PDB file of N, CA and C in Angstrom:
ATOM      1  N   MET A   1      26.267   0.332 -17.557  1.00  0.00           N
ATOM      2  CA  MET A   1      25.348  -0.336 -17.595  1.00  0.00           C
ATOM      3  C   MET A   1      24.899  -1.453 -16.232  1.00  0.00           C
ATOM      4  N   PRO A   2      25.678  -2.257 -16.169  1.00  0.00           N
ATOM      5  CA  PRO A   2      25.163  -3.410 -14.713  1.00  0.00           C
ATOM      6  C   PRO A   2      24.296  -2.363 -13.416  1.00  0.00           C
ATOM      7  N   THR A   3      24.985  -1.567 -13.203  1.00  0.00           N
ATOM      8  CA  THR A   3      24.888  -0.962 -12.449  1.00  0.00           C
ATOM      9  C   THR A   3      23.225  -0.585 -12.235  1.00  0.00           C
ATOM     10  N   THR A   4      22.683   0.197 -13.720  1.00  0.00           N
ATOM     11  CA  THR A   4      21.296   0.764 -13.686  1.00  0.00           C
ATOM     12  C   THR A   4      20.303  -0.571 -13.434  1.00  0.00           C
ATOM     13  N   ILE A   5      20.658  -1.705 -13.822  1.00  0.00           N
ATOM     14  CA  ILE A   5      19.962  -2.504 -13.860  1.00  0.00           C
ATOM     15  C   ILE A   5      20.103  -3.452 -12.821  1.00  0.00           C
ATOM     16  N   GLU A   6      20.614  -3.115 -11.975  1.00  0.00           N
ATOM     17  CA  GLU A   6      20.639  -3.651 -10.547  1.00  0.00           C
ATOM     18  C   GLU A   6      19.392  -2.452  -9.701  1.00  0.00           C
ATOM     19  N   ARG A   7      20.399  -1.025 -10.320  1.00  0.00           N
ATOM     20  CA  ARG A   7      19.485  -0.663  -9.188  1.00  0.00           C
ATOM     21  C   ARG A   7      17.737  -0.468  -9.480  1.00  0.00           C
ATOM     22  N   GLU A   8      17.668  -0.723 -10.421  1.00  0.00           N
ATOM     23  CA  GLU A   8      15.931  -1.003 -11.110  1.00  0.00           C
ATOM     24  C   GLU A   8      15.494  -2.399 -10.228  1.00  0.00           C
ATOM     25  N   PHE A   9      16.277  -3.489  -9.984  1.00  0.00           N
ATOM     26  CA  PHE A   9      15.644  -4.504  -9.890  1.00  0.00           C
ATOM     27  C   PHE A   9      15.877  -4.438  -8.213  1.00  0.00           C
ATOM     28  N   GLU A  10      15.989  -3.635  -7.371  1.00  0.00           N
ATOM     29  CA  GLU A  10      15.942  -3.379  -6.244  1.00  0.00           C
ATOM     30  C   GLU A  10      14.991  -2.780  -5.689  1.00  0.00           C
ATOM     31  N   GLU A  11      14.403  -1.736  -7.317  1.00  0.00           N
ATOM     32  CA  GLU A  11      13.695  -0.967  -6.382  1.00  0.00           C
ATOM     33  C   GLU A  11      12.138  -1.918  -6.444  1.00  0.00           C
ATOM     34  N   VAL A  12      12.169  -2.980  -8.132  1.00  0.00           N
ATOM     35  CA  VAL A  12      11.434  -3.317  -7.963  1.00  0.00           C
ATOM     36  C   VAL A  12      11.079  -4.498  -7.077  1.00  0.00           C
ATOM     37  N   ASP A  13      12.453  -4.877  -6.156  1.00  0.00           N
ATOM     38  CA  ASP A  13      12.227  -5.343  -4.616  1.00  0.00           C
ATOM     39  C   ASP A  13      11.380  -4.783  -3.825  1.00  0.00           C
ATOM     40  N   THR A  14      12.073  -3.559  -3.799  1.00  0.00           N
ATOM     41  CA  THR A  14      11.381  -2.878  -2.227  1.00  0.00           C
ATOM     42  C   THR A  14      10.046  -3.057  -2.564  1.00  0.00           C
ATOM     43  N   GLN A  15       9.362  -2.261  -3.670  1.00  0.00           N
ATOM     44  CA  GLN A  15       8.036  -2.091  -4.153  1.00  0.00           C
ATOM     45  C   GLN A  15       7.472  -3.582  -3.601  1.00  0.00           C
ATOM     46  N   ARG A  16       7.571  -4.473  -4.209  1.00  0.00           N
ATOM     47  CA  ARG A  16       7.550  -5.632  -3.845  1.00  0.00           C
ATOM     48  C   ARG A  16       7.033  -5.686  -1.939  1.00  0.00           C
ATOM     49  N   ARG A  17       7.927  -5.483  -1.321  1.00  0.00           N
ATOM     50  CA  ARG A  17       7.991  -5.965  -0.373  1.00  0.00           C
ATOM     51  C   ARG A  17       7.018  -4.949   0.455  1.00  0.00           C
ATOM     52  N   TRP A  18       7.104  -3.788   0.279  1.00  0.00           N
ATOM     53  CA  TRP A  18       5.729  -2.488   0.705  1.00  0.00           C
ATOM     54  C   TRP A  18       4.643  -2.735   0.190  1.00  0.00           C
ATOM     55  N   GLN A  19       4.415  -3.283  -0.909  1.00  0.00           N
ATOM     56  CA  GLN A  19       3.042  -3.389  -1.147  1.00  0.00           C
ATOM     57  C   GLN A  19       2.025  -3.921  -0.540  1.00  0.00           C
ATOM     58  N   PRO A  20       2.089  -5.055   0.412  1.00  0.00           N
ATOM     59  CA  PRO A  20       1.319  -5.082   1.306  1.00  0.00           C
ATOM     60  C   PRO A  20       1.162  -4.734   2.119  1.00  0.00           C
ATOM     61  N   LEU A  21       2.083  -4.017   2.789  1.00  0.00           N
ATOM     62  CA  LEU A  21       2.015  -2.901   3.822  1.00  0.00           C
ATOM     63  C   LEU A  21       0.803  -1.755   3.225  1.00  0.00           C
ATOM     64  N   TYR A  22       1.221  -1.601   2.434  1.00  0.00           N
ATOM     65  CA  TYR A  22       0.626  -0.210   1.807  1.00  0.00           C
ATOM     66  C   TYR A  22      -0.964  -0.971   1.793  1.00  0.00           C
ATOM     67  N   LEU A  23      -0.985  -2.288   1.310  1.00  0.00           N
ATOM     68  CA  LEU A  23      -2.623  -2.894   0.801  1.00  0.00           C
ATOM     69  C   LEU A  23      -3.504  -3.113   2.476  1.00  0.00           C
ATOM     70  N   MET A  24      -2.434  -3.429   2.973  1.00  0.00           N
ATOM     71  CA  MET A  24      -3.488  -3.346   4.782  1.00  0.00           C
ATOM     72  C   MET A  24      -3.803  -1.951   4.941  1.00  0.00           C
ATOM     73  N   ILE A  25      -2.817  -0.946   5.065  1.00  0.00           N
ATOM     74  CA  ILE A  25      -3.362   0.393   5.167  1.00  0.00           C
ATOM     75  C   ILE A  25      -4.513   0.814   4.844  1.00  0.00           C
ATOM     76  N   THR A  26      -4.417   0.654   3.355  1.00  0.00           N
ATOM     77  CA  THR A  26      -5.855   1.281   2.340  1.00  0.00           C
ATOM     78  C   THR A  26      -6.674   0.362   3.143  1.00  0.00           C
ATOM     79  N   VAL A  27      -6.370  -1.388   3.137  1.00  0.00           N
ATOM     80  CA  VAL A  27      -8.098  -1.880   3.746  1.00  0.00           C
ATOM     81  C   VAL A  27      -8.678  -1.499   5.241  1.00  0.00           C
ATOM     82  N   VAL A  28      -7.510  -1.200   5.912  1.00  0.00           N
ATOM     83  CA  VAL A  28      -7.662  -0.627   7.676  1.00  0.00           C
ATOM     84  C   VAL A  28      -8.307   0.866   7.115  1.00  0.00           C
ATOM     85  N   LEU A  29      -8.201   1.874   6.404  1.00  0.00           N
ATOM     86  CA  LEU A  29      -8.577   3.211   6.267  1.00  0.00           C
ATOM     87  C   LEU A  29     -10.726   3.025   5.709  1.00  0.00           C
ATOM     88  N   ASN A  30      -9.828   2.272   4.623  1.00  0.00           N
ATOM     89  CA  ASN A  30     -11.380   2.013   3.756  1.00  0.00           C
ATOM     90  C   ASN A  30     -12.619   1.335   5.188  1.00  0.00           C
ATOM     91  N   CYS A  31     -11.755   0.665   5.952  1.00  0.00           N
ATOM     92  CA  CYS A  31     -12.988   0.085   6.695  1.00  0.00           C
ATOM     93  C   CYS A  31     -12.904   0.910   7.379  1.00  0.00           C
ATOM     94  N   LYS A  32     -12.528   2.234   8.755  1.00  0.00           N
ATOM     95  CA  LYS A  32     -12.604   3.021   9.286  1.00  0.00           C
ATOM     96  C   LYS A  32     -13.942   4.118   8.819  1.00  0.00           C
ATOM     97  N   MET A  33     -13.738   4.410   7.440  1.00  0.00           N
ATOM     98  CA  MET A  33     -14.548   5.275   6.656  1.00  0.00           C
ATOM     99  C   MET A  33     -15.525   4.405   6.565  1.00  0.00           C
ATOM    100  N   LEU A  34     -16.059   3.170   6.109  1.00  0.00           N
ATOM    101  CA  LEU A  34     -17.284   2.425   5.711  1.00  0.00           C
ATOM    102  C   LEU A  34     -17.867   3.029   7.291  1.00  0.00           C
ATOM    103  N   ARG A  35     -17.302   2.110   8.548  1.00  0.00           N
ATOM    104  CA  ARG A  35     -17.747   2.570   9.676  1.00  0.00           C
ATOM    105  C   ARG A  35     -18.367   3.327  10.189  1.00  0.00           C
ATOM    106  N   MET A  36     -17.365   4.489   9.843  1.00  0.00           N
ATOM    107  CA  MET A  36     -18.019   5.813  10.260  1.00  0.00           C
ATOM    108  C   MET A  36     -19.328   6.070   9.433  1.00  0.00           C
ATOM    109  N   ILE A  37     -18.887   6.063   7.875  1.00  0.00           N
ATOM    110  CA  ILE A  37     -20.494   6.791   7.159  1.00  0.00           C
ATOM    111  C   ILE A  37     -21.558   5.707   8.099  1.00  0.00           C
ATOM    112  N   ILE A  38     -21.491   4.376   8.297  1.00  0.00           N
ATOM    113  CA  ILE A  38     -22.808   2.921   8.534  1.00  0.00           C
ATOM    114  C   ILE A  38     -22.695   3.883   9.514  1.00  0.00           C
ATOM    115  N   LEU A  39     -21.986   4.438  10.665  1.00  0.00           N
ATOM    116  CA  LEU A  39     -22.401   5.070  12.001  1.00  0.00           C
ATOM    117  C   LEU A  39     -23.369   6.479  12.015  1.00  0.00           C
ATOM    118  N   MET A  40     -22.785   6.737  10.897  1.00  0.00           N
ATOM    119  CA  MET A  40     -23.166   8.289  11.043  1.00  0.00           C
ATOM    120  C   MET A  40     -25.002   8.664  10.992  1.00  0.00           C
ATOM    121  N   PRO A  41     -25.562   9.455  11.991  1.00  0.00           N
ATOM    122  CA  PRO A  41     -27.026   9.595  11.679  1.00  0.00           C
ATOM    123  C   PRO A  41     -27.578   9.978  10.428  1.00  0.00           C
ATOM    124  N   VAL A  42     -28.249   9.494   9.872  1.00  0.00           N
ATOM    125  CA  VAL A  42     -29.209   9.907   9.112  1.00  0.00           C
ATOM    126  C   VAL A  42     -29.835  11.081   9.277  1.00  0.00           C
TER     127      VAL A  42
END
């Protein structure tokens, strides 16, 4: 029983650690997409 709880906590910890990176990547990708749309000739 304790092992499953520890495992869950580890998963939560890794998610928390990776979240800022995912956020940065999505923001960068969105900025690139927006720039492409803005620079596209109408």
